Amino acid sequence: MIDVEQVNGVWAFDPEHTRIGFSARHAMITTVRGAFNDVEGELLVDADAPSKSEATLTVRASSIDTRNAKRDEHLRSADFFDVDRWPDITFVSRKIEEIDEGSYAVTGDLTIRDVTQEVMVPISLVGVETDAFGVLRAGFEGSRRLLRRDFGLEWNMPLDSGGVLVSERITLEFEISVIKTE
């Protein structure tokens, strides 16, 4: 059982233990995975009334890492994230609903490039623990599929088979570690 008083308050994302990742089909036959290595965010938790809780997240688009330098440079270019014009990807919650014990629907504004769309991300609380250094931590996981074109990420290349080089659907993957700041 989680102590409500223990979890209420402000929590900061721990970037060293947080992964904001994605996966997409490449050439219609394989999955490419990547992550953003520079993330920061904050949770304001009201466990008694989750609807009063808030979440914000900022991702530096230039920190994209797919383990392929050439692909990463292309993803940073105007064809995709255009990091010189839009360096940050942001999410600001509008509503957090508890769906079941430890399961939440986090709805908010996701901005990629200059496009903002409302999205709902299902998030699960993995647990709350005090680490070996006496720091109170909480872990969350979730994922959400999106259409990349909805955010102006339209570059593609047709394949001889009739398919495309990069899938239209992208799966966002969240593995979040937060640290109590109060």
N, C-alpha and C. Protein backbone atom coordinates (compact mmCIF):
# COMPACT_ATOMS: atom_id res chain seq x y z
N MET A 1 0.84 -1.18 0.00
CA MET A 1 0.00 0.00 0.00
C MET A 1 0.89 1.25 0.00
N ILE A 2 0.59 2.19 -0.89
CA ILE A 2 1.37 3.41 -1.00
C ILE A 2 0.82 4.45 -0.03
N ASP A 3 1.72 5.08 0.71
CA ASP A 3 1.36 6.12 1.66
C ASP A 3 1.06 7.40 0.89
N VAL A 4 -0.20 7.85 0.92
CA VAL A 4 -0.63 9.02 0.15
C VAL A 4 0.18 10.25 0.54
N GLU A 5 0.42 10.44 1.82
CA GLU A 5 1.19 11.61 2.26
C GLU A 5 2.61 11.58 1.70
N GLN A 6 3.14 10.39 1.52
CA GLN A 6 4.49 10.23 1.01
C GLN A 6 4.57 10.66 -0.46
N VAL A 7 3.51 10.41 -1.24
CA VAL A 7 3.59 10.70 -2.67
C VAL A 7 3.06 12.08 -3.04
N ASN A 8 2.27 12.70 -2.21
CA ASN A 8 1.78 14.04 -2.51
C ASN A 8 2.95 15.02 -2.57
N GLY A 9 2.91 15.93 -3.54
CA GLY A 9 3.94 16.96 -3.64
C GLY A 9 4.57 17.03 -5.01
N VAL A 10 5.74 17.64 -5.05
CA VAL A 10 6.44 17.89 -6.31
C VAL A 10 7.52 16.84 -6.52
N TRP A 11 7.57 16.32 -7.73
CA TRP A 11 8.56 15.31 -8.13
C TRP A 11 9.25 15.80 -9.40
N ALA A 12 10.56 15.65 -9.47
CA ALA A 12 11.33 16.03 -10.66
C ALA A 12 11.76 14.77 -11.40
N PHE A 13 11.71 14.84 -12.73
CA PHE A 13 12.20 13.73 -13.55
C PHE A 13 13.68 13.53 -13.27
N ASP A 14 14.10 12.29 -13.18
CA ASP A 14 15.51 11.94 -13.06
C ASP A 14 15.98 11.54 -14.45
N PRO A 15 16.65 12.45 -15.17
CA PRO A 15 17.01 12.16 -16.57
C PRO A 15 17.94 10.96 -16.74
N GLU A 16 18.73 10.65 -15.73
CA GLU A 16 19.65 9.52 -15.83
C GLU A 16 18.93 8.17 -15.75
N HIS A 17 17.70 8.18 -15.25
CA HIS A 17 16.95 6.94 -15.10
C HIS A 17 15.60 7.00 -15.81
N THR A 18 15.47 7.95 -16.72
CA THR A 18 14.24 8.13 -17.49
C THR A 18 14.55 7.90 -18.96
N ARG A 19 13.65 7.21 -19.64
CA ARG A 19 13.80 7.00 -21.08
C ARG A 19 12.51 7.45 -21.76
N ILE A 20 12.64 8.43 -22.65
CA ILE A 20 11.55 8.82 -23.53
C ILE A 20 11.96 8.31 -24.90
N GLY A 21 11.35 7.22 -25.30
CA GLY A 21 11.77 6.55 -26.52
C GLY A 21 10.67 6.48 -27.55
N PHE A 22 11.01 5.86 -28.66
CA PHE A 22 10.06 5.70 -29.75
C PHE A 22 10.49 4.50 -30.59
N SER A 23 9.55 4.00 -31.35
CA SER A 23 9.86 2.95 -32.32
C SER A 23 9.03 3.19 -33.56
N ALA A 24 9.60 2.81 -34.70
CA ALA A 24 8.94 2.98 -36.00
C ALA A 24 9.40 1.86 -36.91
N ARG A 25 8.55 1.50 -37.84
CA ARG A 25 8.93 0.52 -38.86
C ARG A 25 9.84 1.18 -39.89
N HIS A 26 10.87 0.46 -40.28
CA HIS A 26 11.79 0.93 -41.32
C HIS A 26 11.68 -0.03 -42.50
N ALA A 27 11.42 0.52 -43.68
CA ALA A 27 11.31 -0.25 -44.92
C ALA A 27 10.22 -1.33 -44.82
N MET A 28 9.28 -1.13 -43.91
CA MET A 28 8.14 -2.03 -43.75
C MET A 28 8.51 -3.41 -43.20
N ILE A 29 9.78 -3.61 -42.83
CA ILE A 29 10.19 -4.96 -42.45
C ILE A 29 10.88 -5.07 -41.10
N THR A 30 11.33 -3.95 -40.53
CA THR A 30 12.04 -4.03 -39.26
C THR A 30 11.66 -2.83 -38.39
N THR A 31 11.96 -2.92 -37.13
CA THR A 31 11.65 -1.83 -36.20
C THR A 31 12.93 -1.12 -35.81
N VAL A 32 12.90 0.19 -35.91
CA VAL A 32 14.00 1.03 -35.44
C VAL A 32 13.55 1.67 -34.14
N ARG A 33 14.40 1.60 -33.13
CA ARG A 33 14.11 2.21 -31.84
C ARG A 33 15.10 3.33 -31.57
N GLY A 34 14.63 4.29 -30.82
CA GLY A 34 15.50 5.39 -30.43
C GLY A 34 14.99 6.02 -29.16
N ALA A 35 15.72 7.02 -28.71
CA ALA A 35 15.34 7.73 -27.48
C ALA A 35 15.88 9.15 -27.56
N PHE A 36 15.36 9.97 -26.69
CA PHE A 36 15.87 11.32 -26.51
C PHE A 36 16.64 11.32 -25.20
N ASN A 37 17.90 11.75 -25.24
CA ASN A 37 18.77 11.65 -24.08
C ASN A 37 18.72 12.85 -23.15
N ASP A 38 18.10 13.94 -23.58
CA ASP A 38 18.03 15.15 -22.75
C ASP A 38 16.57 15.45 -22.45
N VAL A 39 16.13 15.07 -21.26
CA VAL A 39 14.73 15.25 -20.85
C VAL A 39 14.68 15.90 -19.47
N GLU A 40 13.66 16.69 -19.27
CA GLU A 40 13.39 17.23 -17.94
C GLU A 40 11.89 17.36 -17.77
N GLY A 41 11.45 17.28 -16.55
CA GLY A 41 10.02 17.38 -16.32
C GLY A 41 9.72 17.43 -14.84
N GLU A 42 8.44 17.61 -14.56
CA GLU A 42 8.01 17.73 -13.18
C GLU A 42 6.60 17.18 -13.05
N LEU A 43 6.34 16.55 -11.92
CA LEU A 43 5.01 16.09 -11.56
C LEU A 43 4.59 16.79 -10.28
N LEU A 44 3.38 17.28 -10.27
CA LEU A 44 2.77 17.78 -9.05
C LEU A 44 1.67 16.78 -8.73
N VAL A 45 1.87 16.00 -7.68
CA VAL A 45 0.99 14.87 -7.38
C VAL A 45 0.04 15.21 -6.22
N ASP A 46 -1.24 14.98 -6.48
CA ASP A 46 -2.26 15.02 -5.44
C ASP A 46 -2.93 13.66 -5.47
N ALA A 47 -2.42 12.73 -4.66
CA ALA A 47 -2.91 11.36 -4.67
C ALA A 47 -4.36 11.25 -4.20
N ASP A 48 -4.80 12.19 -3.35
CA ASP A 48 -6.19 12.20 -2.89
C ASP A 48 -7.15 12.60 -4.00
N ALA A 49 -6.68 13.45 -4.91
CA ALA A 49 -7.49 13.94 -6.03
C ALA A 49 -6.61 13.99 -7.27
N PRO A 50 -6.39 12.82 -7.93
CA PRO A 50 -5.50 12.79 -9.09
C PRO A 50 -5.84 13.82 -10.16
N SER A 51 -7.11 14.22 -10.25
CA SER A 51 -7.49 15.21 -11.27
C SER A 51 -6.84 16.56 -11.00
N LYS A 52 -6.32 16.79 -9.80
CA LYS A 52 -5.62 18.03 -9.48
C LYS A 52 -4.12 17.91 -9.71
N SER A 53 -3.66 16.73 -10.09
CA SER A 53 -2.24 16.51 -10.37
C SER A 53 -1.89 17.12 -11.73
N GLU A 54 -0.61 17.41 -11.91
CA GLU A 54 -0.14 18.01 -13.16
C GLU A 54 1.18 17.37 -13.58
N ALA A 55 1.44 17.38 -14.88
CA ALA A 55 2.70 16.86 -15.41
C ALA A 55 3.19 17.76 -16.53
N THR A 56 4.50 18.01 -16.55
CA THR A 56 5.12 18.73 -17.65
C THR A 56 6.39 17.97 -18.06
N LEU A 57 6.69 18.03 -19.33
CA LEU A 57 7.86 17.33 -19.87
C LEU A 57 8.44 18.16 -20.99
N THR A 58 9.77 18.31 -20.99
CA THR A 58 10.47 18.96 -22.09
C THR A 58 11.57 18.02 -22.55
N VAL A 59 11.61 17.79 -23.85
CA VAL A 59 12.61 16.92 -24.48
C VAL A 59 13.39 17.77 -25.48
N ARG A 60 14.71 17.73 -25.41
CA ARG A 60 15.53 18.42 -26.41
C ARG A 60 15.59 17.53 -27.64
N ALA A 61 14.99 18.01 -28.72
CA ALA A 61 14.90 17.20 -29.94
C ALA A 61 16.28 16.84 -30.48
N SER A 62 17.25 17.71 -30.27
CA SER A 62 18.61 17.44 -30.78
C SER A 62 19.27 16.26 -30.08
N SER A 63 18.71 15.82 -28.96
CA SER A 63 19.32 14.70 -28.21
C SER A 63 18.87 13.34 -28.73
N ILE A 64 18.21 13.32 -29.89
CA ILE A 64 17.73 12.06 -30.46
C ILE A 64 18.88 11.10 -30.69
N ASP A 65 18.66 9.83 -30.38
CA ASP A 65 19.71 8.82 -30.48
C ASP A 65 19.09 7.51 -30.95
N THR A 66 19.40 7.13 -32.19
CA THR A 66 18.93 5.86 -32.73
C THR A 66 20.09 4.88 -32.96
N ARG A 67 21.26 5.21 -32.41
CA ARG A 67 22.48 4.40 -32.55
C ARG A 67 23.00 4.42 -33.99
N ASN A 68 22.63 5.45 -34.76
CA ASN A 68 23.12 5.60 -36.13
C ASN A 68 23.27 7.11 -36.38
N ALA A 69 24.51 7.59 -36.40
CA ALA A 69 24.79 9.03 -36.49
C ALA A 69 24.18 9.67 -37.74
N LYS A 70 24.26 8.99 -38.87
CA LYS A 70 23.72 9.54 -40.11
C LYS A 70 22.19 9.69 -40.02
N ARG A 71 21.53 8.67 -39.50
CA ARG A 71 20.07 8.74 -39.34
C ARG A 71 19.70 9.84 -38.34
N ASP A 72 20.45 9.93 -37.23
CA ASP A 72 20.17 10.95 -36.23
C ASP A 72 20.29 12.36 -36.82
N GLU A 73 21.30 12.59 -37.62
CA GLU A 73 21.45 13.91 -38.27
C GLU A 73 20.26 14.19 -39.19
N HIS A 74 19.79 13.18 -39.92
CA HIS A 74 18.63 13.37 -40.78
C HIS A 74 17.39 13.69 -39.94
N LEU A 75 17.23 13.01 -38.83
CA LEU A 75 16.08 13.27 -37.96
C LEU A 75 16.14 14.67 -37.35
N ARG A 76 17.33 15.22 -37.15
CA ARG A 76 17.48 16.58 -36.62
C ARG A 76 17.21 17.64 -37.68
N SER A 77 17.26 17.26 -38.95
CA SER A 77 17.14 18.21 -40.07
C SER A 77 15.71 18.71 -40.26
N ALA A 78 15.56 19.63 -41.20
CA ALA A 78 14.23 20.18 -41.53
C ALA A 78 13.28 19.12 -42.06
N ASP A 79 13.79 17.99 -42.55
CA ASP A 79 12.92 16.90 -43.01
C ASP A 79 12.08 16.33 -41.87
N PHE A 80 12.60 16.40 -40.65
CA PHE A 80 11.90 15.82 -39.51
C PHE A 80 11.73 16.86 -38.40
N PHE A 81 12.58 16.85 -37.37
CA PHE A 81 12.36 17.69 -36.19
C PHE A 81 12.78 19.14 -36.36
N ASP A 82 13.64 19.43 -37.33
CA ASP A 82 14.09 20.81 -37.59
C ASP A 82 14.51 21.47 -36.27
N VAL A 83 15.50 20.89 -35.62
CA VAL A 83 15.89 21.29 -34.27
C VAL A 83 16.42 22.71 -34.18
N ASP A 84 16.89 23.28 -35.29
CA ASP A 84 17.35 24.66 -35.25
C ASP A 84 16.18 25.62 -35.06
N ARG A 85 15.03 25.28 -35.62
CA ARG A 85 13.83 26.13 -35.47
C ARG A 85 13.00 25.76 -34.26
N TRP A 86 12.90 24.46 -33.96
CA TRP A 86 12.07 23.97 -32.85
C TRP A 86 12.89 23.02 -32.00
N PRO A 87 13.68 23.56 -31.08
CA PRO A 87 14.60 22.71 -30.30
C PRO A 87 13.93 21.80 -29.28
N ASP A 88 12.71 22.14 -28.86
CA ASP A 88 12.08 21.38 -27.78
C ASP A 88 10.79 20.69 -28.23
N ILE A 89 10.59 19.51 -27.68
CA ILE A 89 9.31 18.81 -27.74
C ILE A 89 8.74 18.92 -26.34
N THR A 90 7.49 19.34 -26.23
CA THR A 90 6.92 19.56 -24.89
C THR A 90 5.60 18.83 -24.73
N PHE A 91 5.31 18.51 -23.48
CA PHE A 91 4.01 17.97 -23.09
C PHE A 91 3.59 18.67 -21.81
N VAL A 92 2.36 19.18 -21.81
CA VAL A 92 1.79 19.82 -20.64
C VAL A 92 0.42 19.18 -20.41
N SER A 93 0.25 18.58 -19.24
CA SER A 93 -1.02 17.89 -18.97
C SER A 93 -2.16 18.88 -18.81
N ARG A 94 -3.33 18.43 -19.19
CA ARG A 94 -4.58 19.17 -18.96
C ARG A 94 -5.43 18.45 -17.91
N LYS A 95 -5.32 17.11 -17.93
CA LYS A 95 -6.17 16.30 -17.07
C LYS A 95 -5.47 14.98 -16.78
N ILE A 96 -5.54 14.55 -15.52
CA ILE A 96 -5.02 13.24 -15.13
C ILE A 96 -6.15 12.52 -14.42
N GLU A 97 -6.49 11.36 -14.96
CA GLU A 97 -7.59 10.57 -14.40
C GLU A 97 -7.05 9.23 -13.92
N GLU A 98 -7.47 8.82 -12.75
CA GLU A 98 -7.12 7.48 -12.27
C GLU A 98 -8.12 6.51 -12.88
N ILE A 99 -7.63 5.57 -13.67
CA ILE A 99 -8.48 4.58 -14.35
C ILE A 99 -8.71 3.37 -13.46
N ASP A 100 -7.65 2.97 -12.79
CA ASP A 100 -7.67 1.84 -11.87
C ASP A 100 -6.54 2.11 -10.89
N GLU A 101 -6.43 1.34 -9.84
CA GLU A 101 -5.36 1.58 -8.88
C GLU A 101 -4.01 1.51 -9.59
N GLY A 102 -3.27 2.62 -9.58
CA GLY A 102 -1.96 2.68 -10.20
C GLY A 102 -1.96 2.88 -11.70
N SER A 103 -3.13 3.05 -12.31
CA SER A 103 -3.23 3.27 -13.76
C SER A 103 -3.92 4.60 -14.02
N TYR A 104 -3.30 5.39 -14.90
CA TYR A 104 -3.78 6.75 -15.14
C TYR A 104 -3.88 7.04 -16.63
N ALA A 105 -4.82 7.91 -16.98
CA ALA A 105 -4.92 8.48 -18.32
C ALA A 105 -4.47 9.92 -18.20
N VAL A 106 -3.33 10.22 -18.79
CA VAL A 106 -2.78 11.57 -18.73
C VAL A 106 -3.04 12.23 -20.08
N THR A 107 -3.91 13.24 -20.07
CA THR A 107 -4.28 13.94 -21.29
C THR A 107 -3.65 15.32 -21.26
N GLY A 108 -3.06 15.72 -22.39
CA GLY A 108 -2.44 17.03 -22.44
C GLY A 108 -2.05 17.42 -23.83
N ASP A 109 -1.34 18.54 -23.92
CA ASP A 109 -0.91 19.10 -25.19
C ASP A 109 0.52 18.66 -25.48
N LEU A 110 0.69 17.93 -26.58
CA LEU A 110 2.01 17.52 -27.06
C LEU A 110 2.37 18.43 -28.22
N THR A 111 3.53 19.09 -28.12
CA THR A 111 3.98 19.98 -29.18
C THR A 111 5.28 19.44 -29.76
N ILE A 112 5.25 19.17 -31.07
CA ILE A 112 6.41 18.75 -31.83
C ILE A 112 6.50 19.69 -33.02
N ARG A 113 7.69 20.22 -33.27
CA ARG A 113 7.86 21.28 -34.26
C ARG A 113 6.95 22.43 -33.83
N ASP A 114 6.12 22.92 -34.68
CA ASP A 114 5.21 24.01 -34.29
C ASP A 114 3.77 23.52 -34.22
N VAL A 115 3.59 22.22 -34.05
CA VAL A 115 2.25 21.63 -34.06
C VAL A 115 1.92 21.09 -32.67
N THR A 116 0.77 21.52 -32.16
CA THR A 116 0.30 21.05 -30.86
C THR A 116 -0.97 20.24 -31.05
N GLN A 117 -0.98 19.05 -30.48
CA GLN A 117 -2.14 18.17 -30.54
C GLN A 117 -2.44 17.68 -29.12
N GLU A 118 -3.71 17.52 -28.82
CA GLU A 118 -4.08 16.90 -27.56
C GLU A 118 -3.92 15.39 -27.70
N VAL A 119 -3.23 14.79 -26.75
CA VAL A 119 -3.06 13.34 -26.74
C VAL A 119 -3.33 12.81 -25.33
N MET A 120 -3.74 11.57 -25.27
CA MET A 120 -3.92 10.87 -24.00
C MET A 120 -2.87 9.76 -23.95
N VAL A 121 -2.15 9.71 -22.85
CA VAL A 121 -1.12 8.69 -22.66
C VAL A 121 -1.51 7.85 -21.45
N PRO A 122 -1.69 6.54 -21.64
CA PRO A 122 -1.93 5.68 -20.49
C PRO A 122 -0.60 5.44 -19.76
N ILE A 123 -0.61 5.70 -18.46
CA ILE A 123 0.60 5.58 -17.65
C ILE A 123 0.29 4.71 -16.44
N SER A 124 1.22 3.83 -16.10
CA SER A 124 1.07 2.99 -14.91
C SER A 124 2.16 3.32 -13.90
N LEU A 125 1.77 3.38 -12.65
CA LEU A 125 2.73 3.53 -11.56
C LEU A 125 3.35 2.17 -11.30
N VAL A 126 4.66 2.10 -11.43
CA VAL A 126 5.38 0.84 -11.21
C VAL A 126 5.65 0.64 -9.72
N GLY A 127 5.96 1.75 -9.04
CA GLY A 127 6.22 1.64 -7.62
C GLY A 127 6.83 2.90 -7.04
N VAL A 128 6.90 2.94 -5.72
CA VAL A 128 7.52 4.04 -4.98
C VAL A 128 8.47 3.40 -3.98
N GLU A 129 9.72 3.84 -3.99
CA GLU A 129 10.74 3.27 -3.10
C GLU A 129 11.74 4.33 -2.69
N THR A 130 12.31 4.15 -1.52
CA THR A 130 13.45 4.95 -1.10
C THR A 130 14.70 4.20 -1.54
N ASP A 131 15.57 4.90 -2.31
CA ASP A 131 16.75 4.23 -2.84
C ASP A 131 17.85 4.11 -1.78
N ALA A 132 18.98 3.57 -2.17
CA ALA A 132 20.09 3.32 -1.25
C ALA A 132 20.68 4.60 -0.67
N PHE A 133 20.37 5.75 -1.28
CA PHE A 133 20.91 7.03 -0.82
C PHE A 133 19.87 7.84 -0.05
N GLY A 134 18.73 7.21 0.25
CA GLY A 134 17.69 7.88 1.02
C GLY A 134 16.78 8.78 0.20
N VAL A 135 16.82 8.65 -1.11
CA VAL A 135 16.02 9.48 -2.01
C VAL A 135 14.72 8.74 -2.34
N LEU A 136 13.60 9.42 -2.17
CA LEU A 136 12.31 8.82 -2.50
C LEU A 136 12.09 8.92 -4.00
N ARG A 137 11.83 7.77 -4.63
CA ARG A 137 11.66 7.68 -6.09
C ARG A 137 10.33 7.04 -6.41
N ALA A 138 9.81 7.38 -7.58
CA ALA A 138 8.64 6.70 -8.13
C ALA A 138 8.92 6.38 -9.58
N GLY A 139 8.36 5.28 -10.05
CA GLY A 139 8.56 4.86 -11.43
C GLY A 139 7.23 4.72 -12.15
N PHE A 140 7.21 5.15 -13.41
CA PHE A 140 6.02 5.07 -14.25
C PHE A 140 6.41 4.51 -15.61
N GLU A 141 5.47 3.81 -16.25
CA GLU A 141 5.68 3.30 -17.60
C GLU A 141 4.41 3.50 -18.41
N GLY A 142 4.60 3.65 -19.71
CA GLY A 142 3.46 3.76 -20.60
C GLY A 142 3.91 3.85 -22.04
N SER A 143 2.96 3.77 -22.94
CA SER A 143 3.26 3.92 -24.36
C SER A 143 2.01 4.44 -25.07
N ARG A 144 2.25 5.02 -26.24
CA ARG A 144 1.15 5.57 -27.03
C ARG A 144 1.56 5.60 -28.49
N ARG A 145 0.68 5.13 -29.35
CA ARG A 145 0.92 5.20 -30.80
C ARG A 145 0.34 6.50 -31.34
N LEU A 146 1.10 7.14 -32.22
CA LEU A 146 0.68 8.39 -32.84
C LEU A 146 0.94 8.34 -34.34
N LEU A 147 0.23 9.18 -35.06
CA LEU A 147 0.54 9.40 -36.47
C LEU A 147 1.52 10.56 -36.55
N ARG A 148 2.70 10.32 -37.07
CA ARG A 148 3.72 11.35 -37.09
C ARG A 148 3.32 12.53 -37.96
N ARG A 149 2.54 12.29 -39.02
CA ARG A 149 2.09 13.39 -39.88
C ARG A 149 1.24 14.40 -39.13
N ASP A 150 0.57 13.97 -38.07
CA ASP A 150 -0.23 14.90 -37.26
C ASP A 150 0.63 15.99 -36.64
N PHE A 151 1.95 15.78 -36.60
CA PHE A 151 2.87 16.74 -36.00
C PHE A 151 3.84 17.32 -37.03
N GLY A 152 3.48 17.25 -38.31
CA GLY A 152 4.30 17.84 -39.35
C GLY A 152 5.53 17.03 -39.72
N LEU A 153 5.60 15.78 -39.27
CA LEU A 153 6.73 14.91 -39.61
C LEU A 153 6.34 14.09 -40.83
N GLU A 154 6.47 14.70 -41.99
CA GLU A 154 5.91 14.13 -43.21
C GLU A 154 6.91 13.48 -44.16
N TRP A 155 8.19 13.70 -43.96
CA TRP A 155 9.17 13.16 -44.91
C TRP A 155 9.02 11.65 -45.02
N ASN A 156 9.13 11.16 -46.26
CA ASN A 156 9.12 9.72 -46.49
C ASN A 156 9.69 9.44 -47.86
N MET A 157 9.88 8.17 -48.14
CA MET A 157 10.39 7.75 -49.44
C MET A 157 9.64 6.49 -49.84
N PRO A 158 9.04 6.49 -51.05
CA PRO A 158 8.31 5.29 -51.48
C PRO A 158 9.27 4.14 -51.79
N LEU A 159 8.79 2.93 -51.55
CA LEU A 159 9.55 1.73 -51.87
C LEU A 159 8.98 1.10 -53.13
N ASP A 160 9.78 0.32 -53.81
CA ASP A 160 9.34 -0.34 -55.04
C ASP A 160 8.13 -1.23 -54.80
N SER A 161 8.01 -1.77 -53.59
CA SER A 161 6.92 -2.69 -53.26
C SER A 161 5.59 -1.96 -53.05
N GLY A 162 5.63 -0.62 -53.02
CA GLY A 162 4.42 0.14 -52.75
C GLY A 162 4.35 0.67 -51.33
N GLY A 163 5.24 0.22 -50.49
CA GLY A 163 5.27 0.70 -49.12
C GLY A 163 6.10 1.98 -49.02
N VAL A 164 6.43 2.35 -47.80
CA VAL A 164 7.24 3.54 -47.55
C VAL A 164 8.41 3.20 -46.64
N LEU A 165 9.42 4.05 -46.65
CA LEU A 165 10.62 3.81 -45.88
C LEU A 165 10.39 3.92 -44.37
N VAL A 166 9.58 4.92 -43.95
CA VAL A 166 9.33 5.15 -42.53
C VAL A 166 7.84 5.04 -42.26
N SER A 167 7.47 4.23 -41.29
CA SER A 167 6.05 4.04 -40.98
C SER A 167 5.39 5.35 -40.55
N GLU A 168 4.11 5.45 -40.83
CA GLU A 168 3.34 6.63 -40.42
C GLU A 168 3.05 6.59 -38.93
N ARG A 169 2.86 5.39 -38.39
CA ARG A 169 2.58 5.25 -36.96
C ARG A 169 3.89 5.09 -36.20
N ILE A 170 4.00 5.86 -35.14
CA ILE A 170 5.16 5.83 -34.27
C ILE A 170 4.67 5.47 -32.87
N THR A 171 5.40 4.62 -32.19
CA THR A 171 5.05 4.30 -30.81
C THR A 171 5.98 5.07 -29.89
N LEU A 172 5.39 5.88 -29.02
CA LEU A 172 6.15 6.58 -27.98
C LEU A 172 6.23 5.66 -26.77
N GLU A 173 7.38 5.64 -26.13
CA GLU A 173 7.63 4.74 -25.00
C GLU A 173 8.14 5.56 -23.82
N PHE A 174 7.49 5.41 -22.68
CA PHE A 174 7.83 6.19 -21.50
C PHE A 174 8.26 5.26 -20.37
N GLU A 175 9.47 5.45 -19.89
CA GLU A 175 9.99 4.78 -18.70
C GLU A 175 10.52 5.90 -17.84
N ILE A 176 9.74 6.30 -16.84
CA ILE A 176 9.99 7.53 -16.12
C ILE A 176 10.34 7.25 -14.66
N SER A 177 11.44 7.85 -14.22
CA SER A 177 11.83 7.82 -12.82
C SER A 177 11.77 9.26 -12.32
N VAL A 178 11.05 9.46 -11.23
CA VAL A 178 10.96 10.80 -10.64
C VAL A 178 11.45 10.76 -9.20
N ILE A 179 11.95 11.91 -8.74
CA ILE A 179 12.51 12.05 -7.41
C ILE A 179 11.70 13.10 -6.65
N LYS A 180 11.31 12.78 -5.44
CA LYS A 180 10.57 13.72 -4.60
C LYS A 180 11.47 14.90 -4.28
N THR A 181 10.97 16.13 -4.50
CA THR A 181 11.82 17.31 -4.31
C THR A 181 11.53 18.04 -3.01
N GLU A 182 10.49 17.66 -2.31
CA GLU A 182 10.16 18.35 -1.05
C GLU A 182 10.58 17.51 0.14
